[in-house]
Amino acid sequence: EEQPSAKAVLAPETYSLARVGTFRTSFPSAFGCPRQGLAAPSVRGRIELAPWLCGHGGGSHFLEGLEAFSHVWVIFLFDQNKHSSTSFDPGSSYLRPTVRPPWLAGGDGKRGNTGVFATRSPHRPNPIGLTVCRLDHVDASAGCVYLSGVDVVDGSAVLDIKPYHPVDLLTSGIGEEEPESKEVGPTEVAALVGDTISKANRESPGALEQGSFVASQLSPGSGVYFPEWIPAPKPTADVAWRAEALEQLRELHGKRCCKFYPDPRDSCHQGPDAGFSQLKQALDEVLGLDPRPPQSRSRASGSTTHRYWALDFDGLSLAFRLPEASLGDETSKIPRPTFEVLRVEVLRVEACAGQEVAKKASKAWLEALRWELELEHRDAEH
């Protein structure tokens, strides 16, 4: 009897899944996208149900009862990742058992390896993502679900929406004086861990550098622990705005250049400034989480020439930099950075296959801005 080939034995069993919706978010690319959405709770998005689901009642039957929940789980595809299509190709270099997550980096910025199933990397056998978001509003007739605390790239395919259920609650066990464990939801988890880290640093100053934390620092009663390389879900940078940049943001917001600020979740009685404070808060949260790559975060003053970056967010392009005063020197410990927002412009779009696609802010734009600002600085000195 003929034996099956080794190739046939190793062939994966596959299933077909349907796109139930599309994630519309503020992030045209992965840069700046929070590692954990609820760490930037003001970042908005929405899910638009697929047309095949909305043929009867605009999708209202599928969404019936969802508004009774405060949060939802969203299962989506990393289909906006340029390497996602290779995930199902056994011969691809992107189907690896280990990956190098950005936060698993040493003091020199070099990344370490860990098993792909111990990370949330998009480079995985099945490029599927899972995120928990706050549910703000359900428009059943239009087949739209409005969310915040979003960490997904715009256009990502949605496979399923599930309500955040009481059985998902974690037990904190924080505080030895508490006779009973305290249950917390997803929004409180970030604050819970942040408080634990602060307490650990007070008791052992400097023990938790670069925002990491270890299992031994958590309350024994919590039942929740993490590897030490996982970053704390809290801001690690301060944000300052140039007066002209803030005025540009206000002007562009007034021209309705953004999709989510304002949107239907804002009151119509707020006037022309509806959504402006939420927009600035969202940008402060995203920048406060330090979107730079690990190599840039680990460098001191004399070892980096990259102090200018561009963040594309909800129809806008922001140029920001790390001023010299925030860099420290070669021998000093790298301080908590302060990003300075320099300029805000409308995000450029270009036609692609009959659709408008956001064009990433160019390096030339940043370089021209850098020369302009340095020329102003030299003129001011003379």
Protein backbone atom coordinates (compact mmCIF):
# COMPACT_ATOMS: atom_id res chain seq x y z
CA GLU A 1 0.00 0.00 0.00
CA GLU A 2 1.34 3.41 -0.99
CA GLN A 3 2.30 5.55 1.97
CA PRO A 4 1.37 9.26 2.01
CA SER A 5 4.26 11.58 1.26
CA ALA A 6 5.87 13.59 4.02
CA LYS A 7 4.62 16.74 2.32
CA ALA A 8 1.03 15.47 2.44
CA VAL A 9 1.33 14.49 6.10
CA LEU A 10 2.59 17.98 7.01
CA ALA A 11 -0.04 19.83 5.01
CA PRO A 12 -2.18 22.01 7.32
CA GLU A 13 -5.89 21.51 7.72
CA THR A 14 -7.57 24.71 6.54
CA TYR A 15 -10.95 26.39 6.97
CA SER A 16 -12.77 29.14 5.12
CA LEU A 17 -13.92 32.22 7.03
CA ALA A 18 -15.96 35.19 5.88
CA ARG A 19 -15.28 38.87 6.51
CA VAL A 20 -18.16 40.12 8.68
CA GLY A 21 -17.01 43.73 8.69
CA THR A 22 -14.22 46.22 8.20
CA PHE A 23 -12.37 48.06 10.96
CA ARG A 24 -12.24 51.79 10.25
CA THR A 25 -9.63 53.43 12.46
CA SER A 26 -7.40 56.49 12.81
CA PHE A 27 -4.24 54.59 11.80
CA PRO A 28 -3.45 54.29 8.07
CA SER A 29 -0.26 52.43 9.03
CA ALA A 30 1.09 50.53 12.02
CA PHE A 31 3.36 53.36 13.22
CA GLY A 32 1.84 54.91 16.32
CA CYS A 33 -0.76 52.19 16.70
CA PRO A 34 -0.88 51.39 20.45
CA ARG A 35 0.43 48.00 21.53
CA GLN A 36 -2.65 47.75 23.73
CA GLY A 37 -5.69 49.77 22.71
CA LEU A 38 -7.02 50.53 26.18
CA ALA A 39 -3.71 52.20 27.02
CA ALA A 40 -4.93 54.96 24.68
CA PRO A 41 -8.63 55.06 25.58
CA SER A 42 -9.45 58.19 23.54
CA VAL A 43 -8.44 56.63 20.20
CA ARG A 44 -11.61 56.05 18.21
CA GLY A 45 -12.71 53.65 15.52
CA ARG A 46 -15.74 51.85 14.19
CA ILE A 47 -16.68 48.56 12.61
CA GLU A 48 -18.78 48.63 9.46
CA LEU A 49 -20.65 45.39 8.92
CA ALA A 50 -20.16 43.70 5.55
CA PRO A 51 -22.88 44.31 2.94
CA TRP A 52 -23.87 40.64 2.87
CA LEU A 53 -24.86 40.91 6.56
CA CYS A 54 -26.78 44.14 6.08
CA GLY A 55 -29.21 42.96 3.46
CA HIS A 56 -31.97 42.56 6.03
CA GLY A 57 -32.62 45.46 8.37
CA GLY A 58 -29.17 47.01 7.91
CA GLY A 59 -27.56 44.41 10.14
CA SER A 60 -29.78 45.37 13.06
CA HIS A 61 -30.64 41.76 13.86
CA PHE A 62 -26.97 40.83 14.21
CA LEU A 63 -26.35 43.78 16.54
CA GLU A 64 -29.51 43.47 18.61
CA GLY A 65 -28.70 43.59 22.34
CA LEU A 66 -25.03 44.50 21.88
CA GLU A 67 -25.50 48.00 23.31
CA ALA A 68 -26.13 46.44 26.73
CA PHE A 69 -22.40 45.66 27.03
CA SER A 70 -19.63 48.12 27.93
CA HIS A 71 -16.81 46.40 26.00
CA VAL A 72 -16.40 43.96 23.12
CA TRP A 73 -13.81 41.52 21.86
CA VAL A 74 -12.97 41.94 18.18
CA ILE A 75 -11.31 39.18 16.17
CA PHE A 76 -9.66 40.56 13.05
CA LEU A 77 -7.10 39.76 10.38
CA PHE A 78 -3.68 41.35 10.03
CA ASP A 79 -4.46 41.64 6.34
CA GLN A 80 -3.09 45.19 6.18
CA ASN A 81 0.35 43.85 7.10
CA LYS A 82 2.39 43.64 3.92
CA HIS A 83 3.61 40.16 4.88
CA SER A 84 0.24 38.70 5.91
CA SER A 85 -0.30 36.88 2.61
CA THR A 86 2.86 34.83 3.21
CA SER A 87 1.62 33.48 6.53
CA PHE A 88 -0.03 30.52 4.81
CA ASP A 89 3.01 29.69 2.67
CA PRO A 90 5.14 26.99 4.39
CA GLY A 91 8.10 28.08 2.28
CA SER A 92 7.91 31.65 3.46
CA SER A 93 10.55 33.13 5.71
CA TYR A 94 7.74 34.73 7.74
CA LEU A 95 6.41 31.40 8.96
CA ARG A 96 8.87 31.03 11.81
CA PRO A 97 8.53 29.48 15.27
CA THR A 98 10.14 32.51 16.91
CA VAL A 99 9.85 36.28 16.41
CA ARG A 100 11.53 39.41 17.76
CA PRO A 101 8.88 41.53 19.48
CA PRO A 102 9.72 45.25 19.71
CA TRP A 103 9.63 45.34 23.50
CA LEU A 104 11.98 42.38 23.97
CA ALA A 105 15.03 44.61 23.51
CA GLY A 106 18.15 45.14 25.53
CA GLY A 107 19.83 48.39 26.45
CA ASP A 108 21.47 48.51 23.01
CA GLY A 109 18.10 48.25 21.24
CA LYS A 110 18.78 44.78 19.86
CA ARG A 111 15.75 42.52 20.00
CA GLY A 112 15.66 39.07 21.54
CA ASN A 113 13.74 36.02 20.30
CA THR A 114 10.70 34.31 21.78
CA GLY A 115 8.09 31.84 20.57
CA VAL A 116 5.47 33.33 18.28
CA PHE A 117 2.66 32.04 20.50
CA ALA A 118 4.16 33.97 23.42
CA THR A 119 3.65 37.23 21.49
CA ARG A 120 0.96 39.21 19.69
CA SER A 121 3.10 39.57 16.57
CA PRO A 122 1.23 39.72 13.22
CA HIS A 123 3.84 37.32 11.82
CA ARG A 124 2.14 34.08 12.86
CA PRO A 125 0.79 30.90 11.20
CA ASN A 126 -2.70 32.42 11.11
CA PRO A 127 -2.48 36.26 10.94
CA ILE A 128 -5.36 36.75 13.37
CA GLY A 129 -5.57 39.54 15.95
CA LEU A 130 -7.66 39.89 19.10
CA THR A 131 -8.43 43.18 20.82
CA VAL A 132 -10.80 44.44 23.49
CA CYS A 133 -12.42 47.85 22.95
CA ARG A 134 -14.88 50.06 24.77
CA LEU A 135 -18.30 50.08 23.12
CA ASP A 136 -19.46 53.68 22.68
CA HIS A 137 -22.44 53.47 20.34
CA VAL A 138 -24.33 51.02 18.15
CA ASP A 139 -26.01 52.26 14.98
CA ALA A 140 -27.94 49.14 14.09
CA SER A 141 -29.73 50.65 11.11
CA ALA A 142 -26.42 51.61 9.47
CA GLY A 143 -24.64 48.45 10.58
CA CYS A 144 -21.95 50.38 12.48
CA VAL A 145 -20.38 49.74 15.87
CA TYR A 146 -18.49 52.72 17.37
CA LEU A 147 -15.52 51.82 19.57
CA SER A 148 -12.68 53.48 21.47
CA GLY A 149 -9.39 52.22 22.83
CA VAL A 150 -8.58 51.01 19.32
CA ASP A 151 -5.21 49.51 18.30
CA VAL A 152 -5.93 48.25 14.77
CA VAL A 153 -4.80 49.51 11.35
CA ASP A 154 -7.51 51.04 9.16
CA GLY A 155 -9.17 48.66 6.70
CA SER A 156 -8.46 45.46 8.64
CA ALA A 157 -10.92 42.64 8.04
CA VAL A 158 -13.16 41.76 11.01
CA LEU A 159 -13.98 38.08 11.55
CA ASP A 160 -16.17 38.32 14.64
CA ILE A 161 -17.46 40.60 17.41
CA LYS A 162 -18.09 39.14 20.85
CA PRO A 163 -19.34 40.90 23.99
CA TYR A 164 -17.02 41.26 26.95
CA HIS A 165 -18.68 38.99 29.49
CA PRO A 166 -18.49 38.94 33.32
CA VAL A 167 -16.68 35.59 33.11
CA ASP A 168 -13.79 37.50 31.48
CA LEU A 169 -13.25 39.63 34.61
CA LEU A 170 -9.89 39.37 36.32
CA THR A 171 -9.43 39.18 40.07
CA SER A 172 -6.99 41.80 41.24
CA GLY A 173 -6.21 40.72 44.80
CA ILE A 174 -4.53 44.14 45.18
CA GLY A 175 -3.95 45.31 48.71
CA GLU A 176 -3.25 42.89 51.50
CA GLU A 177 -5.68 44.72 53.73
CA GLU A 178 -8.63 43.83 51.50
CA PRO A 179 -10.50 40.83 52.90
CA GLU A 180 -11.89 39.86 49.50
CA SER A 181 -10.57 39.95 45.97
CA LYS A 182 -11.72 42.81 43.80
CA GLU A 183 -12.98 42.17 40.29
CA VAL A 184 -11.99 44.59 37.55
CA GLY A 185 -12.86 44.99 33.90
CA PRO A 186 -10.55 45.66 30.93
CA THR A 187 -10.36 49.42 31.38
CA GLU A 188 -9.21 49.01 34.97
CA VAL A 189 -6.52 46.43 34.18
CA ALA A 190 -4.09 49.05 32.82
CA ALA A 191 -4.56 51.23 35.90
CA LEU A 192 -4.22 48.18 38.13
CA VAL A 193 -0.88 47.17 36.65
CA GLY A 194 0.32 50.77 36.59
CA ASP A 195 -0.45 51.15 40.30
CA THR A 196 1.38 47.90 41.02
CA ILE A 197 4.44 49.13 39.14
CA SER A 198 4.41 52.46 41.00
CA LYS A 199 4.20 50.64 44.31
CA ALA A 200 7.09 48.35 43.36
CA ASN A 201 9.25 51.30 42.31
CA ARG A 202 8.53 53.10 45.59
CA GLU A 203 9.61 50.04 47.55
CA SER A 204 12.64 49.29 45.33
CA PRO A 205 13.62 52.43 43.39
CA GLY A 206 14.97 51.65 39.92
CA ALA A 207 13.93 48.00 40.09
CA LEU A 208 11.56 48.33 37.15
CA GLU A 209 13.41 50.25 34.48
CA GLN A 210 12.05 51.10 31.02
CA GLY A 211 8.48 50.43 32.13
CA SER A 212 8.81 46.65 32.46
CA PHE A 213 7.54 44.59 35.34
CA VAL A 214 7.94 41.10 36.75
CA ALA A 215 5.54 38.51 38.05
CA SER A 216 6.91 38.70 41.58
CA GLN A 217 5.83 42.34 41.81
CA LEU A 218 2.15 41.51 41.39
CA SER A 219 -0.16 40.67 44.24
CA PRO A 220 -0.07 36.93 45.05
CA GLY A 221 -3.87 36.91 45.13
CA SER A 222 -4.31 38.22 41.60
CA GLY A 223 -3.47 35.06 39.69
CA VAL A 224 -2.21 37.35 36.91
CA TYR A 225 1.44 37.60 35.90
CA PHE A 226 3.57 38.61 32.92
CA PRO A 227 7.15 38.17 31.70
CA GLU A 228 9.44 41.00 32.68
CA TRP A 229 9.93 42.31 29.13
CA ILE A 230 6.25 43.24 28.71
CA PRO A 231 5.95 47.05 28.97
CA ALA A 232 3.72 48.68 31.52
CA PRO A 233 0.47 49.91 29.92
CA LYS A 234 1.03 53.52 30.88
CA PRO A 235 2.52 56.67 29.28
CA THR A 236 6.31 56.70 29.08
CA ALA A 237 6.75 60.12 27.45
CA ASP A 238 5.52 63.67 27.94
CA VAL A 239 4.02 65.70 25.09
CA ALA A 240 4.40 69.43 24.42
CA TRP A 241 2.76 71.35 21.57
CA ARG A 242 4.15 74.33 19.75
CA ALA A 243 1.58 77.11 19.72
CA GLU A 244 1.43 77.11 15.93
CA ALA A 245 0.99 73.33 15.81
CA LEU A 246 -1.91 73.47 18.23
CA GLU A 247 -3.50 76.24 16.17
CA GLN A 248 -3.05 74.14 13.01
CA LEU A 249 -4.74 71.22 14.73
CA ARG A 250 -7.69 73.39 15.75
CA GLU A 251 -8.00 74.86 12.26
CA LEU A 252 -7.93 71.48 10.50
CA HIS A 253 -10.39 70.06 13.01
CA GLY A 254 -12.71 72.97 12.23
CA LYS A 255 -12.47 72.09 8.53
CA ARG A 256 -13.70 68.58 9.31
CA CYS A 257 -10.53 66.88 8.08
CA CYS A 258 -10.99 63.98 10.53
CA LYS A 259 -13.37 61.03 10.32
CA PHE A 260 -13.73 60.35 14.04
CA TYR A 261 -13.41 63.76 15.70
CA PRO A 262 -16.25 64.60 15.73
CA ASP A 263 -18.53 61.72 14.81
CA PRO A 264 -22.03 60.52 15.90
CA ARG A 265 -20.90 59.84 19.48
CA ASP A 266 -20.34 63.59 20.03
CA SER A 267 -23.23 65.80 21.07
CA CYS A 268 -24.61 68.09 18.37
CA HIS A 269 -24.88 70.78 21.07
CA GLN A 270 -21.10 71.06 21.49
CA GLY A 271 -20.79 73.40 18.50
CA PRO A 272 -17.76 73.69 16.19
CA ASP A 273 -15.37 72.44 18.86
CA ALA A 274 -17.17 69.10 19.17
CA GLY A 275 -14.55 66.37 19.37
CA PHE A 276 -11.54 68.72 19.46
CA SER A 277 -10.54 67.99 23.06
CA GLN A 278 -10.97 64.26 22.39
CA LEU A 279 -8.76 64.54 19.29
CA LYS A 280 -5.95 66.26 21.16
CA GLN A 281 -6.30 63.84 24.07
CA ALA A 282 -6.04 60.88 21.68
CA LEU A 283 -2.89 62.31 20.08
CA ASP A 284 -1.37 62.98 23.50
CA GLU A 285 -2.09 59.38 24.50
CA VAL A 286 -0.59 57.89 21.33
CA LEU A 287 2.58 59.99 21.56
CA GLY A 288 2.77 59.44 25.32
CA LEU A 289 3.12 55.70 24.71
CA ASP A 290 6.33 56.47 22.74
CA PRO A 291 5.76 55.11 19.22
CA ARG A 292 9.48 55.10 18.38
CA PRO A 293 11.21 51.80 17.50
CA PRO A 294 13.32 50.21 20.27
CA GLN A 295 16.58 51.32 18.65
CA SER A 296 15.57 54.98 18.92
CA ARG A 297 14.32 54.61 22.50
CA SER A 298 17.63 53.16 23.67
CA ARG A 299 19.92 55.77 22.12
CA ALA A 300 21.35 58.77 23.92
CA SER A 301 22.25 62.12 22.39
CA GLY A 302 25.45 61.39 20.50
CA SER A 303 24.34 58.03 19.04
CA THR A 304 21.25 59.03 17.07
CA THR A 305 20.56 61.33 14.16
CA HIS A 306 16.88 60.48 14.02
CA ARG A 307 15.08 62.99 16.22
CA TYR A 308 12.17 63.77 13.88
CA TRP A 309 9.19 61.54 13.18
CA ALA A 310 5.82 61.80 11.46
CA LEU A 311 2.59 60.30 12.80
CA ASP A 312 -0.37 59.84 10.48
CA PHE A 313 -3.62 59.90 12.42
CA ASP A 314 -7.23 60.25 11.25
CA GLY A 315 -6.61 62.30 8.12
CA LEU A 316 -3.76 64.32 9.64
CA SER A 317 0.04 64.17 9.56
CA LEU A 318 1.89 65.34 12.67
CA ALA A 319 5.58 66.10 12.74
CA PHE A 320 7.17 65.73 16.18
CA ARG A 321 10.69 65.64 17.51
CA LEU A 322 12.73 64.86 20.56
CA PRO A 323 14.53 68.08 21.55
CA GLU A 324 18.19 67.94 22.50
CA ALA A 325 17.34 68.72 26.12
CA SER A 326 15.37 65.43 26.35
CA LEU A 327 18.21 63.24 25.11
CA GLY A 328 20.68 63.41 27.99
CA ASP A 329 24.31 62.64 27.23
CA GLU A 330 26.40 59.57 26.53
CA THR A 331 26.99 58.77 30.19
CA SER A 332 23.68 59.74 31.74
CA LYS A 333 20.66 57.53 32.09
CA ILE A 334 18.15 58.20 29.31
CA PRO A 335 15.45 60.40 30.88
CA ARG A 336 11.74 60.27 30.33
CA PRO A 337 11.43 61.86 26.86
CA THR A 338 9.34 64.91 26.02
CA PHE A 339 8.07 64.97 22.45
CA GLU A 340 7.45 68.34 20.85
CA VAL A 341 4.70 68.50 18.23
CA LEU A 342 5.94 70.86 15.54
CA ARG A 343 3.46 70.90 12.70
CA VAL A 344 0.08 69.47 11.68
CA GLU A 345 -0.99 69.08 8.05
CA VAL A 346 -3.67 67.27 6.08
CA LEU A 347 -2.68 63.69 5.28
CA ARG A 348 -2.11 63.37 1.57
CA VAL A 349 -4.01 60.69 -0.35
CA GLU A 350 -3.43 59.14 -3.74
CA ALA A 351 -5.58 57.08 -6.08
CA CYS A 352 -4.96 53.32 -6.02
CA ALA A 353 -7.21 50.87 -7.87
CA GLY A 354 -9.97 53.45 -7.98
CA GLN A 355 -9.81 54.16 -4.23
CA GLU A 356 -8.17 56.92 -2.22
CA VAL A 357 -5.30 55.59 -0.14
CA ALA A 358 -3.45 57.55 2.52
CA LYS A 359 0.09 58.45 1.48
CA LYS A 360 2.54 58.15 4.31
CA ALA A 361 4.27 61.36 5.34
CA SER A 362 7.56 61.54 3.45
CA LYS A 363 11.06 61.71 4.87
CA ALA A 364 11.61 64.72 2.62
CA TRP A 365 8.87 66.59 4.51
CA LEU A 366 10.55 65.89 7.83
CA GLU A 367 13.97 66.79 6.49
CA ALA A 368 12.73 70.11 5.12
CA LEU A 369 11.06 70.86 8.44
CA ARG A 370 14.23 69.99 10.33
CA TRP A 371 16.31 72.38 8.22
CA GLU A 372 13.70 75.10 8.64
CA LEU A 373 13.68 74.80 12.43
CA GLU A 374 17.45 74.58 12.74
CA LEU A 375 17.82 77.65 10.55
CA GLU A 376 15.39 79.51 12.84
CA HIS A 377 17.45 78.41 15.83
CA ARG A 378 20.71 79.63 14.28
CA ASP A 379 19.14 82.96 13.34
CA ALA A 380 17.85 83.37 16.88
CA GLU A 381 21.33 82.79 18.30
CA HIS A 382 22.75 85.54 16.09
